[in-house]
Amino acid sequence: SYPGGGCIPNTARELAKFQFNYRRGGLELGSEWLYTGSQTLDLANSAGSTGGYSVVNLVGRYERDRWTLQARMNNITSKEYTELVTFFGTRAYYPSPERNFSLSLRYDF
């Protein structure tokens, strides 16, 4: 709680992360579940709050010699949520990305 009695805006009181990884040889597969609790929009808690949300991510990595190939899929359920809402008389929502992918290839010298 904030010294004035309310909660700090855009700050969740509950955060949780569960991660599972499996590794065999140069292959690593993993998943993660992230939970963020509800967040108030102003110090007085008069503008309401956002609901909590959960997202699930997957990651795969393969290492061979000096090469590393990594693939990642974030928010596999394509959940619509927002990590940031501002309130200056009216709510402004900043949506977070739905399902998204990344692929990287690295060589270590």
PDB file of N, CA and C in Angstrom:
ATOM      1  N   SER A   1       0.829  -1.197   0.000  1.00  0.00           N
ATOM      2  CA  SER A   1       0.000   0.000   0.000  1.00  0.00           C
ATOM      3  C   SER A   1       0.865   1.249   0.000  1.00  0.00           C
ATOM      4  N   TYR A   2       0.324   2.277  -0.558  1.00  0.00           N
ATOM      5  CA  TYR A   2       0.974   3.580  -0.623  1.00  0.00           C
ATOM      6  C   TYR A   2       0.771   4.285   0.714  1.00  0.00           C
ATOM      7  N   PRO A   3       1.700   5.156   1.164  1.00  0.00           N
ATOM      8  CA  PRO A   3       1.544   5.828   2.461  1.00  0.00           C
ATOM      9  C   PRO A   3       0.215   6.564   2.614  1.00  0.00           C
ATOM     10  N   GLY A   4      -0.387   7.019   1.505  1.00  0.00           N
ATOM     11  CA  GLY A   4      -1.665   7.716   1.586  1.00  0.00           C
ATOM     12  C   GLY A   4      -2.841   6.767   1.744  1.00  0.00           C
ATOM     13  N   GLY A   5      -2.607   5.478   1.773  1.00  0.00           N
ATOM     14  CA  GLY A   5      -3.680   4.511   1.978  1.00  0.00           C
ATOM     15  C   GLY A   5      -4.050   3.738   0.730  1.00  0.00           C
ATOM     16  N   GLY A   6      -3.754   4.274  -0.444  1.00  0.00           N
ATOM     17  CA  GLY A   6      -4.074   3.579  -1.683  1.00  0.00           C
ATOM     18  C   GLY A   6      -2.935   2.683  -2.115  1.00  0.00           C
ATOM     19  N   CYS A   7      -3.081   2.136  -3.295  1.00  0.00           N
ATOM     20  CA  CYS A   7      -2.030   1.295  -3.856  1.00  0.00           C
ATOM     21  C   CYS A   7      -1.260   2.089  -4.906  1.00  0.00           C
ATOM     22  N   ILE A   8      -0.038   1.697  -5.156  1.00  0.00           N
ATOM     23  CA  ILE A   8       0.769   2.355  -6.181  1.00  0.00           C
ATOM     24  C   ILE A   8       0.184   2.013  -7.545  1.00  0.00           C
ATOM     25  N   PRO A   9      -0.147   3.008  -8.363  1.00  0.00           N
ATOM     26  CA  PRO A   9      -0.770   2.735  -9.665  1.00  0.00           C
ATOM     27  C   PRO A   9       0.117   1.872 -10.556  1.00  0.00           C
ATOM     28  N   ASN A  10      -0.533   1.040 -11.360  1.00  0.00           N
ATOM     29  CA  ASN A  10       0.129   0.177 -12.349  1.00  0.00           C
ATOM     30  C   ASN A  10       1.169  -0.765 -11.727  1.00  0.00           C
ATOM     31  N   THR A  11       0.959  -1.136 -10.488  1.00  0.00           N
ATOM     32  CA  THR A  11       1.839  -2.068  -9.802  1.00  0.00           C
ATOM     33  C   THR A  11       1.007  -3.183  -9.191  1.00  0.00           C
ATOM     34  N   ALA A  12       1.244  -4.384  -9.641  1.00  0.00           N
ATOM     35  CA  ALA A  12       0.490  -5.525  -9.116  1.00  0.00           C
ATOM     36  C   ALA A  12       1.076  -5.972  -7.786  1.00  0.00           C
ATOM     37  N   ARG A  13       0.220  -6.384  -6.880  1.00  0.00           N
ATOM     38  CA  ARG A  13       0.679  -6.921  -5.600  1.00  0.00           C
ATOM     39  C   ARG A  13       1.054  -8.391  -5.738  1.00  0.00           C
ATOM     40  N   GLU A  14       0.487  -9.067  -6.732  1.00  0.00           N
ATOM     41  CA  GLU A  14       0.760 -10.487  -6.931  1.00  0.00           C
ATOM     42  C   GLU A  14       1.449 -10.699  -8.275  1.00  0.00           C
ATOM     43  N   LEU A  15       2.585 -11.369  -8.232  1.00  0.00           N
ATOM     44  CA  LEU A  15       3.315 -11.777  -9.430  1.00  0.00           C
ATOM     45  C   LEU A  15       3.746 -13.224  -9.215  1.00  0.00           C
ATOM     46  N   ALA A  16       3.607 -14.044 -10.243  1.00  0.00           N
ATOM     47  CA  ALA A  16       4.039 -15.437 -10.135  1.00  0.00           C
ATOM     48  C   ALA A  16       4.625 -15.881 -11.464  1.00  0.00           C
ATOM     49  N   LYS A  17       5.616 -16.762 -11.390  1.00  0.00           N
ATOM     50  CA  LYS A  17       6.221 -17.314 -12.597  1.00  0.00           C
ATOM     51  C   LYS A  17       6.551 -18.774 -12.325  1.00  0.00           C
ATOM     52  N   PHE A  18       6.106 -19.630 -13.215  1.00  0.00           N
ATOM     53  CA  PHE A  18       6.429 -21.042 -13.149  1.00  0.00           C
ATOM     54  C   PHE A  18       7.130 -21.395 -14.442  1.00  0.00           C
ATOM     55  N   GLN A  19       8.283 -22.036 -14.315  1.00  0.00           N
ATOM     56  CA  GLN A  19       9.082 -22.345 -15.493  1.00  0.00           C
ATOM     57  C   GLN A  19       9.446 -23.821 -15.470  1.00  0.00           C
ATOM     58  N   PHE A  20       9.368 -24.442 -16.646  1.00  0.00           N
ATOM     59  CA  PHE A  20       9.736 -25.844 -16.797  1.00  0.00           C
ATOM     60  C   PHE A  20      10.706 -25.950 -17.960  1.00  0.00           C
ATOM     61  N   ASN A  21      11.849 -26.604 -17.741  1.00  0.00           N
ATOM     62  CA  ASN A  21      12.847 -26.797 -18.787  1.00  0.00           C
ATOM     63  C   ASN A  21      13.233 -28.264 -18.867  1.00  0.00           C
ATOM     64  N   TYR A  22      13.436 -28.730 -20.075  1.00  0.00           N
ATOM     65  CA  TYR A  22      13.907 -30.088 -20.326  1.00  0.00           C
ATOM     66  C   TYR A  22      15.134 -29.974 -21.210  1.00  0.00           C
ATOM     67  N   ARG A  23      16.201 -30.644 -20.815  1.00  0.00           N
ATOM     68  CA  ARG A  23      17.445 -30.561 -21.584  1.00  0.00           C
ATOM     69  C   ARG A  23      17.981 -31.967 -21.833  1.00  0.00           C
ATOM     70  N   ARG A  24      18.351 -32.181 -23.074  1.00  0.00           N
ATOM     71  CA  ARG A  24      18.975 -33.448 -23.448  1.00  0.00           C
ATOM     72  C   ARG A  24      20.000 -33.150 -24.533  1.00  0.00           C
ATOM     73  N   GLY A  25      21.266 -33.392 -24.210  1.00  0.00           N
ATOM     74  CA  GLY A  25      22.320 -33.058 -25.153  1.00  0.00           C
ATOM     75  C   GLY A  25      22.329 -31.570 -25.436  1.00  0.00           C
ATOM     76  N   GLY A  26      22.332 -31.201 -26.705  1.00  0.00           N
ATOM     77  CA  GLY A  26      22.340 -29.797 -27.092  1.00  0.00           C
ATOM     78  C   GLY A  26      20.961 -29.192 -27.254  1.00  0.00           C
ATOM     79  N   LEU A  27      19.912 -29.980 -26.982  1.00  0.00           N
ATOM     80  CA  LEU A  27      18.534 -29.504 -27.156  1.00  0.00           C
ATOM     81  C   LEU A  27      17.932 -29.131 -25.809  1.00  0.00           C
ATOM     82  N   GLU A  28      17.306 -27.968 -25.758  1.00  0.00           N
ATOM     83  CA  GLU A  28      16.595 -27.531 -24.558  1.00  0.00           C
ATOM     84  C   GLU A  28      15.212 -27.045 -24.960  1.00  0.00           C
ATOM     85  N   LEU A  29      14.188 -27.550 -24.288  1.00  0.00           N
ATOM     86  CA  LEU A  29      12.803 -27.131 -24.505  1.00  0.00           C
ATOM     87  C   LEU A  29      12.261 -26.607 -23.191  1.00  0.00           C
ATOM     88  N   GLY A  30      11.471 -25.557 -23.263  1.00  0.00           N
ATOM     89  CA  GLY A  30      10.950 -24.990 -22.029  1.00  0.00           C
ATOM     90  C   GLY A  30       9.624 -24.291 -22.224  1.00  0.00           C
ATOM     91  N   SER A  31       8.951 -24.094 -21.104  1.00  0.00           N
ATOM     92  CA  SER A  31       7.705 -23.333 -21.089  1.00  0.00           C
ATOM     93  C   SER A  31       7.686 -22.500 -19.817  1.00  0.00           C
ATOM     94  N   GLU A  32       6.931 -21.415 -19.868  1.00  0.00           N
ATOM     95  CA  GLU A  32       6.782 -20.578 -18.685  1.00  0.00           C
ATOM     96  C   GLU A  32       5.365 -20.042 -18.612  1.00  0.00           C
ATOM     97  N   TRP A  33       4.873 -19.962 -17.399  1.00  0.00           N
ATOM     98  CA  TRP A  33       3.551 -19.399 -17.124  1.00  0.00           C
ATOM     99  C   TRP A  33       3.784 -18.177 -16.255  1.00  0.00           C
ATOM    100  N   LEU A  34       3.274 -17.027 -16.694  1.00  0.00           N
ATOM    101  CA  LEU A  34       3.441 -15.772 -15.963  1.00  0.00           C
ATOM    102  C   LEU A  34       2.080 -15.250 -15.533  1.00  0.00           C
ATOM    103  N   TYR A  35       1.959 -14.879 -14.270  1.00  0.00           N
ATOM    104  CA  TYR A  35       0.713 -14.312 -13.756  1.00  0.00           C
ATOM    105  C   TYR A  35       1.004 -12.948 -13.156  1.00  0.00           C
ATOM    106  N   THR A  36       0.169 -11.988 -13.489  1.00  0.00           N
ATOM    107  CA  THR A  36       0.233 -10.654 -12.904  1.00  0.00           C
ATOM    108  C   THR A  36      -1.146 -10.328 -12.357  1.00  0.00           C
ATOM    109  N   GLY A  37      -1.227  -9.944 -11.091  1.00  0.00           N
ATOM    110  CA  GLY A  37      -2.499  -9.615 -10.447  1.00  0.00           C
ATOM    111  C   GLY A  37      -3.046  -8.269 -10.907  1.00  0.00           C
ATOM    112  N   SER A  38      -4.201  -7.916 -10.387  1.00  0.00           N
ATOM    113  CA  SER A  38      -4.846  -6.660 -10.775  1.00  0.00           C
ATOM    114  C   SER A  38      -4.005  -5.462 -10.324  1.00  0.00           C
ATOM    115  N   GLN A  39      -4.221  -4.325 -11.011  1.00  0.00           N
ATOM    116  CA  GLN A  39      -3.466  -3.112 -10.739  1.00  0.00           C
ATOM    117  C   GLN A  39      -4.429  -1.935 -10.658  1.00  0.00           C
ATOM    118  N   THR A  40      -4.250  -1.085  -9.659  1.00  0.00           N
ATOM    119  CA  THR A  40      -5.072   0.111  -9.560  1.00  0.00           C
ATOM    120  C   THR A  40      -4.587   1.159 -10.555  1.00  0.00           C
ATOM    121  N   LEU A  41      -5.464   2.093 -10.893  1.00  0.00           N
ATOM    122  CA  LEU A  41      -5.125   3.097 -11.898  1.00  0.00           C
ATOM    123  C   LEU A  41      -4.707   4.445 -11.319  1.00  0.00           C
ATOM    124  N   ASP A  42      -5.043   4.700 -10.049  1.00  0.00           N
ATOM    125  CA  ASP A  42      -4.658   5.971  -9.434  1.00  0.00           C
ATOM    126  C   ASP A  42      -4.375   5.755  -7.953  1.00  0.00           C
ATOM    127  N   LEU A  43      -3.742   6.734  -7.311  1.00  0.00           N
ATOM    128  CA  LEU A  43      -3.354   6.596  -5.898  1.00  0.00           C
ATOM    129  C   LEU A  43      -4.541   6.435  -4.967  1.00  0.00           C
ATOM    130  N   ALA A  44      -5.635   7.093  -5.257  1.00  0.00           N
ATOM    131  CA  ALA A  44      -6.806   7.033  -4.382  1.00  0.00           C
ATOM    132  C   ALA A  44      -7.639   5.781  -4.618  1.00  0.00           C
ATOM    133  N   ASN A  45      -7.303   5.019  -5.649  1.00  0.00           N
ATOM    134  CA  ASN A  45      -8.050   3.817  -6.015  1.00  0.00           C
ATOM    135  C   ASN A  45      -9.505   4.148  -6.365  1.00  0.00           C
ATOM    136  N   SER A  46      -9.725   5.345  -6.914  1.00  0.00           N
ATOM    137  CA  SER A  46     -11.080   5.767  -7.269  1.00  0.00           C
ATOM    138  C   SER A  46     -11.391   5.531  -8.745  1.00  0.00           C
ATOM    139  N   ALA A  47     -10.368   5.267  -9.564  1.00  0.00           N
ATOM    140  CA  ALA A  47     -10.568   5.087 -11.004  1.00  0.00           C
ATOM    141  C   ALA A  47     -10.731   3.617 -11.382  1.00  0.00           C
ATOM    142  N   GLY A  48     -10.745   2.753 -10.388  1.00  0.00           N
ATOM    143  CA  GLY A  48     -10.903   1.334 -10.672  1.00  0.00           C
ATOM    144  C   GLY A  48      -9.560   0.646 -10.839  1.00  0.00           C
ATOM    145  N   SER A  49      -9.604  -0.557 -11.397  1.00  0.00           N
ATOM    146  CA  SER A  49      -8.378  -1.327 -11.564  1.00  0.00           C
ATOM    147  C   SER A  49      -8.486  -2.215 -12.793  1.00  0.00           C
ATOM    148  N   THR A  50      -7.348  -2.699 -13.225  1.00  0.00           N
ATOM    149  CA  THR A  50      -7.325  -3.667 -14.311  1.00  0.00           C
ATOM    150  C   THR A  50      -7.447  -5.057 -13.696  1.00  0.00           C
ATOM    151  N   GLY A  51      -7.896  -5.996 -14.462  1.00  0.00           N
ATOM    152  CA  GLY A  51      -7.933  -7.365 -13.976  1.00  0.00           C
ATOM    153  C   GLY A  51      -6.563  -7.995 -14.102  1.00  0.00           C
ATOM    154  N   GLY A  52      -6.350  -9.080 -13.404  1.00  0.00           N
ATOM    155  CA  GLY A  52      -5.101  -9.811 -13.542  1.00  0.00           C
ATOM    156  C   GLY A  52      -5.091 -10.581 -14.857  1.00  0.00           C
ATOM    157  N   TYR A  53      -3.933 -11.087 -15.231  1.00  0.00           N
ATOM    158  CA  TYR A  53      -3.833 -11.846 -16.474  1.00  0.00           C
ATOM    159  C   TYR A  53      -2.713 -12.875 -16.357  1.00  0.00           C
ATOM    160  N   SER A  54      -2.793 -13.896 -17.189  1.00  0.00           N
ATOM    161  CA  SER A  54      -1.763 -14.930 -17.280  1.00  0.00           C
ATOM    162  C   SER A  54      -1.383 -15.104 -18.739  1.00  0.00           C
ATOM    163  N   VAL A  55      -0.128 -15.368 -18.985  1.00  0.00           N
ATOM    164  CA  VAL A  55       0.342 -15.703 -20.331  1.00  0.00           C
ATOM    165  C   VAL A  55       1.253 -16.920 -20.244  1.00  0.00           C
ATOM    166  N   VAL A  56       1.284 -17.679 -21.338  1.00  0.00           N
ATOM    167  CA  VAL A  56       2.122 -18.867 -21.430  1.00  0.00           C
ATOM    168  C   VAL A  56       3.058 -18.688 -22.622  1.00  0.00           C
ATOM    169  N   ASN A  57       4.343 -18.980 -22.409  1.00  0.00           N
ATOM    170  CA  ASN A  57       5.366 -18.848 -23.436  1.00  0.00           C
ATOM    171  C   ASN A  57       6.080 -20.181 -23.628  1.00  0.00           C
ATOM    172  N   LEU A  58       6.586 -20.417 -24.824  1.00  0.00           N
ATOM    173  CA  LEU A  58       7.370 -21.614 -25.134  1.00  0.00           C
ATOM    174  C   LEU A  58       8.717 -21.194 -25.704  1.00  0.00           C
ATOM    175  N   VAL A  59       9.752 -21.976 -25.413  1.00  0.00           N
ATOM    176  CA  VAL A  59      11.079 -21.674 -25.945  1.00  0.00           C
ATOM    177  C   VAL A  59      11.788 -22.984 -26.293  1.00  0.00           C
ATOM    178  N   GLY A  60      12.534 -22.939 -27.381  1.00  0.00           N
ATOM    179  CA  GLY A  60      13.357 -24.074 -27.785  1.00  0.00           C
ATOM    180  C   GLY A  60      14.736 -23.568 -28.154  1.00  0.00           C
ATOM    181  N   ARG A  61      15.755 -24.323 -27.772  1.00  0.00           N
ATOM    182  CA  ARG A  61      17.129 -23.911 -28.039  1.00  0.00           C
ATOM    183  C   ARG A  61      17.939 -25.146 -28.429  1.00  0.00           C
ATOM    184  N   TYR A  62      18.771 -24.980 -29.457  1.00  0.00           N
ATOM    185  CA  TYR A  62      19.645 -26.068 -29.872  1.00  0.00           C
ATOM    186  C   TYR A  62      21.060 -25.527 -29.999  1.00  0.00           C
ATOM    187  N   GLU A  63      21.995 -26.181 -29.325  1.00  0.00           N
ATOM    188  CA  GLU A  63      23.399 -25.760 -29.352  1.00  0.00           C
ATOM    189  C   GLU A  63      24.241 -26.867 -29.979  1.00  0.00           C
ATOM    190  N   ARG A  64      25.104 -26.443 -30.889  1.00  0.00           N
ATOM    191  CA  ARG A  64      26.029 -27.386 -31.518  1.00  0.00           C
ATOM    192  C   ARG A  64      27.318 -26.641 -31.832  1.00  0.00           C
ATOM    193  N   ASP A  65      28.408 -27.180 -31.346  1.00  0.00           N
ATOM    194  CA  ASP A  65      29.705 -26.525 -31.472  1.00  0.00           C
ATOM    195  C   ASP A  65      29.591 -25.100 -30.945  1.00  0.00           C
ATOM    196  N   ARG A  66      29.818 -24.122 -31.777  1.00  0.00           N
ATOM    197  CA  ARG A  66      29.740 -22.718 -31.349  1.00  0.00           C
ATOM    198  C   ARG A  66      28.434 -22.052 -31.771  1.00  0.00           C
ATOM    199  N   TRP A  67      27.509 -22.810 -32.325  1.00  0.00           N
ATOM    200  CA  TRP A  67      26.256 -22.270 -32.834  1.00  0.00           C
ATOM    201  C   TRP A  67      25.123 -22.496 -31.834  1.00  0.00           C
ATOM    202  N   THR A  68      24.237 -21.517 -31.744  1.00  0.00           N
ATOM    203  CA  THR A  68      23.028 -21.644 -30.934  1.00  0.00           C
ATOM    204  C   THR A  68      21.844 -21.131 -31.751  1.00  0.00           C
ATOM    205  N   LEU A  69      20.858 -21.979 -31.923  1.00  0.00           N
ATOM    206  CA  LEU A  69      19.610 -21.617 -32.600  1.00  0.00           C
ATOM    207  C   LEU A  69      18.521 -21.577 -31.542  1.00  0.00           C
ATOM    208  N   GLN A  70      17.797 -20.467 -31.468  1.00  0.00           N
ATOM    209  CA  GLN A  70      16.737 -20.334 -30.462  1.00  0.00           C
ATOM    210  C   GLN A  70      15.452 -19.853 -31.121  1.00  0.00           C
ATOM    211  N   ALA A  71      14.353 -20.481 -30.745  1.00  0.00           N
ATOM    212  CA  ALA A  71      13.015 -20.071 -31.189  1.00  0.00           C
ATOM    213  C   ALA A  71      12.166 -19.830 -29.949  1.00  0.00           C
ATOM    214  N   ARG A  72      11.347 -18.803 -30.012  1.00  0.00           N
ATOM    215  CA  ARG A  72      10.511 -18.450 -28.863  1.00  0.00           C
ATOM    216  C   ARG A  72       9.123 -18.041 -29.355  1.00  0.00           C
ATOM    217  N   MET A  73       8.091 -18.534 -28.667  1.00  0.00           N
ATOM    218  CA  MET A  73       6.725 -18.116 -28.953  1.00  0.00           C
ATOM    219  C   MET A  73       6.142 -17.576 -27.645  1.00  0.00           C
ATOM    220  N   ASN A  74       5.824 -16.291 -27.644  1.00  0.00           N
ATOM    221  CA  ASN A  74       5.245 -15.640 -26.474  1.00  0.00           C
ATOM    222  C   ASN A  74       3.727 -15.570 -26.603  1.00  0.00           C
ATOM    223  N   ASN A  75       3.050 -15.674 -25.468  1.00  0.00           N
ATOM    224  CA  ASN A  75       1.594 -15.555 -25.405  1.00  0.00           C
ATOM    225  C   ASN A  75       0.932 -16.529 -26.386  1.00  0.00           C
ATOM    226  N   ILE A  76       1.187 -17.818 -26.196  1.00  0.00           N
ATOM    227  CA  ILE A  76       0.741 -18.827 -27.160  1.00  0.00           C
ATOM    228  C   ILE A  76      -0.779 -18.891 -27.300  1.00  0.00           C
ATOM    229  N   THR A  77      -1.525 -18.442 -26.308  1.00  0.00           N
ATOM    230  CA  THR A  77      -2.992 -18.457 -26.395  1.00  0.00           C
ATOM    231  C   THR A  77      -3.537 -17.191 -27.041  1.00  0.00           C
ATOM    232  N   SER A  78      -2.663 -16.269 -27.406  1.00  0.00           N
ATOM    233  CA  SER A  78      -3.046 -15.001 -28.042  1.00  0.00           C
ATOM    234  C   SER A  78      -4.001 -14.182 -27.158  1.00  0.00           C
ATOM    235  N   LYS A  79      -3.748 -14.206 -25.859  1.00  0.00           N
ATOM    236  CA  LYS A  79      -4.581 -13.470 -24.904  1.00  0.00           C
ATOM    237  C   LYS A  79      -4.467 -11.966 -25.144  1.00  0.00           C
ATOM    238  N   GLU A  80      -5.601 -11.287 -25.094  1.00  0.00           N
ATOM    239  CA  GLU A  80      -5.617  -9.830 -25.182  1.00  0.00           C
ATOM    240  C   GLU A  80      -5.551  -9.269 -23.774  1.00  0.00           C
ATOM    241  N   TYR A  81      -4.518  -8.494 -23.497  1.00  0.00           N
ATOM    242  CA  TYR A  81      -4.339  -7.910 -22.172  1.00  0.00           C
ATOM    243  C   TYR A  81      -3.524  -6.637 -22.298  1.00  0.00           C
ATOM    244  N   THR A  82      -3.436  -5.913 -21.214  1.00  0.00           N
ATOM    245  CA  THR A  82      -2.640  -4.698 -21.202  1.00  0.00           C
ATOM    246  C   THR A  82      -1.747  -4.703 -19.972  1.00  0.00           C
ATOM    247  N   GLU A  83      -0.492  -4.371 -20.153  1.00  0.00           N
ATOM    248  CA  GLU A  83       0.437  -4.269 -19.036  1.00  0.00           C
ATOM    249  C   GLU A  83       0.437  -2.864 -18.450  1.00  0.00           C
ATOM    250  N   LEU A  84      -0.087  -1.893 -19.190  1.00  0.00           N
ATOM    251  CA  LEU A  84      -0.045  -0.509 -18.732  1.00  0.00           C
ATOM    252  C   LEU A  84      -1.333   0.214 -19.091  1.00  0.00           C
ATOM    253  N   VAL A  85      -1.939   0.818 -18.081  1.00  0.00           N
ATOM    254  CA  VAL A  85      -3.103   1.688 -18.263  1.00  0.00           C
ATOM    255  C   VAL A  85      -2.794   2.971 -17.505  1.00  0.00           C
ATOM    256  N   THR A  86      -2.898   4.094 -18.174  1.00  0.00           N
ATOM    257  CA  THR A  86      -2.692   5.368 -17.486  1.00  0.00           C
ATOM    258  C   THR A  86      -4.036   6.026 -17.245  1.00  0.00           C
ATOM    259  N   PHE A  87      -4.083   6.877 -16.242  1.00  0.00           N
ATOM    260  CA  PHE A  87      -5.320   7.557 -15.899  1.00  0.00           C
ATOM    261  C   PHE A  87      -5.015   9.007 -15.559  1.00  0.00           C
ATOM    262  N   PHE A  88      -5.388   9.893 -16.469  1.00  0.00           N
ATOM    263  CA  PHE A  88      -5.300  11.327 -16.234  1.00  0.00           C
ATOM    264  C   PHE A  88      -6.655  11.916 -16.583  1.00  0.00           C
ATOM    265  N   GLY A  89      -7.670  11.521 -15.821  1.00  0.00           N
ATOM    266  CA  GLY A  89      -9.043  11.947 -16.082  1.00  0.00           C
ATOM    267  C   GLY A  89      -9.793  10.960 -16.951  1.00  0.00           C
ATOM    268  N   THR A  90      -9.094  10.248 -17.816  1.00  0.00           N
ATOM    269  CA  THR A  90      -9.688   9.195 -18.635  1.00  0.00           C
ATOM    270  C   THR A  90      -8.660   8.072 -18.790  1.00  0.00           C
ATOM    271  N   ARG A  91      -9.144   6.874 -18.976  1.00  0.00           N
ATOM    272  CA  ARG A  91      -8.237   5.729 -19.092  1.00  0.00           C
ATOM    273  C   ARG A  91      -7.592   5.674 -20.478  1.00  0.00           C
ATOM    274  N   ALA A  92      -6.322   5.364 -20.507  1.00  0.00           N
ATOM    275  CA  ALA A  92      -5.602   5.141 -21.764  1.00  0.00           C
ATOM    276  C   ALA A  92      -4.958   3.764 -21.674  1.00  0.00           C
ATOM    277  N   TYR A  93      -5.388   2.857 -22.549  1.00  0.00           N
ATOM    278  CA  TYR A  93      -4.887   1.486 -22.538  1.00  0.00           C
ATOM    279  C   TYR A  93      -3.765   1.331 -23.558  1.00  0.00           C
ATOM    280  N   TYR A  94      -2.708   0.647 -23.162  1.00  0.00           N
ATOM    281  CA  TYR A  94      -1.592   0.335 -24.042  1.00  0.00           C
ATOM    282  C   TYR A  94      -1.556  -1.184 -24.193  1.00  0.00           C
ATOM    283  N   PRO A  95      -2.144  -1.708 -25.258  1.00  0.00           N
ATOM    284  CA  PRO A  95      -2.251  -3.168 -25.388  1.00  0.00           C
ATOM    285  C   PRO A  95      -0.893  -3.834 -25.536  1.00  0.00           C
ATOM    286  N   SER A  96      -0.804  -5.027 -24.972  1.00  0.00           N
ATOM    287  CA  SER A  96       0.403  -5.843 -25.084  1.00  0.00           C
ATOM    288  C   SER A  96       0.274  -6.742 -26.294  1.00  0.00           C
ATOM    289  N   PRO A  97       1.389  -7.224 -26.810  1.00  0.00           N
ATOM    290  CA  PRO A  97       1.320  -8.052 -28.023  1.00  0.00           C
ATOM    291  C   PRO A  97       0.585  -9.362 -27.768  1.00  0.00           C
ATOM    292  N   GLU A  98      -0.171  -9.782 -28.767  1.00  0.00           N
ATOM    293  CA  GLU A  98      -0.784 -11.099 -28.701  1.00  0.00           C
ATOM    294  C   GLU A  98       0.300 -12.100 -29.072  1.00  0.00           C
ATOM    295  N   ARG A  99      -0.039 -13.226 -29.643  1.00  0.00           N
ATOM    296  CA  ARG A  99       0.965 -14.241 -29.972  1.00  0.00           C
ATOM    297  C   ARG A  99       2.051 -13.618 -30.850  1.00  0.00           C
ATOM    298  N   ASN A 100       3.308 -13.864 -30.493  1.00  0.00           N
ATOM    299  CA  ASN A 100       4.425 -13.362 -31.289  1.00  0.00           C
ATOM    300  C   ASN A 100       5.585 -14.348 -31.215  1.00  0.00           C
ATOM    301  N   PHE A 101       6.431 -14.302 -32.244  1.00  0.00           N
ATOM    302  CA  PHE A 101       7.510 -15.256 -32.411  1.00  0.00           C
ATOM    303  C   PHE A 101       8.847 -14.537 -32.545  1.00  0.00           C
ATOM    304  N   SER A 102       9.896 -15.234 -32.155  1.00  0.00           N
ATOM    305  CA  SER A 102      11.244 -14.742 -32.440  1.00  0.00           C
ATOM    306  C   SER A 102      12.125 -15.944 -32.747  1.00  0.00           C
ATOM    307  N   LEU A 103      13.095 -15.714 -33.601  1.00  0.00           N
ATOM    308  CA  LEU A 103      14.042 -16.737 -33.991  1.00  0.00           C
ATOM    309  C   LEU A 103      15.417 -16.087 -34.042  1.00  0.00           C
ATOM    310  N   SER A 104      16.404 -16.722 -33.432  1.00  0.00           N
ATOM    311  CA  SER A 104      17.743 -16.145 -33.449  1.00  0.00           C
ATOM    312  C   SER A 104      18.771 -17.245 -33.676  1.00  0.00           C
ATOM    313  N   LEU A 105      19.854 -16.831 -34.298  1.00  0.00           N
ATOM    314  CA  LEU A 105      20.982 -17.711 -34.549  1.00  0.00           C
ATOM    315  C   LEU A 105      22.228 -16.983 -34.068  1.00  0.00           C
ATOM    316  N   ARG A 106      23.025 -17.665 -33.221  1.00  0.00           N
ATOM    317  CA  ARG A 106      24.193 -17.038 -32.637  1.00  0.00           C
ATOM    318  C   ARG A 106      25.418 -17.913 -32.876  1.00  0.00           C
ATOM    319  N   TYR A 107      26.533 -17.236 -33.144  1.00  0.00           N
ATOM    320  CA  TYR A 107      27.826 -17.929 -33.274  1.00  0.00           C
ATOM    321  C   TYR A 107      28.785 -17.279 -32.291  1.00  0.00           C
ATOM    322  N   ASP A 108      29.410 -18.078 -31.433  1.00  0.00           N
ATOM    323  CA  ASP A 108      30.363 -17.567 -30.451  1.00  0.00           C
ATOM    324  C   ASP A 108      31.779 -17.739 -30.989  1.00  0.00           C
ATOM    325  N   PHE A 109      32.529 -16.631 -31.022  1.00  0.00           N
ATOM    326  CA  PHE A 109      33.916 -16.645 -31.507  1.00  0.00           C
ATOM    327  C   PHE A 109      34.853 -17.102 -30.418  1.00  0.00           C
TER     328      PHE A 109
END
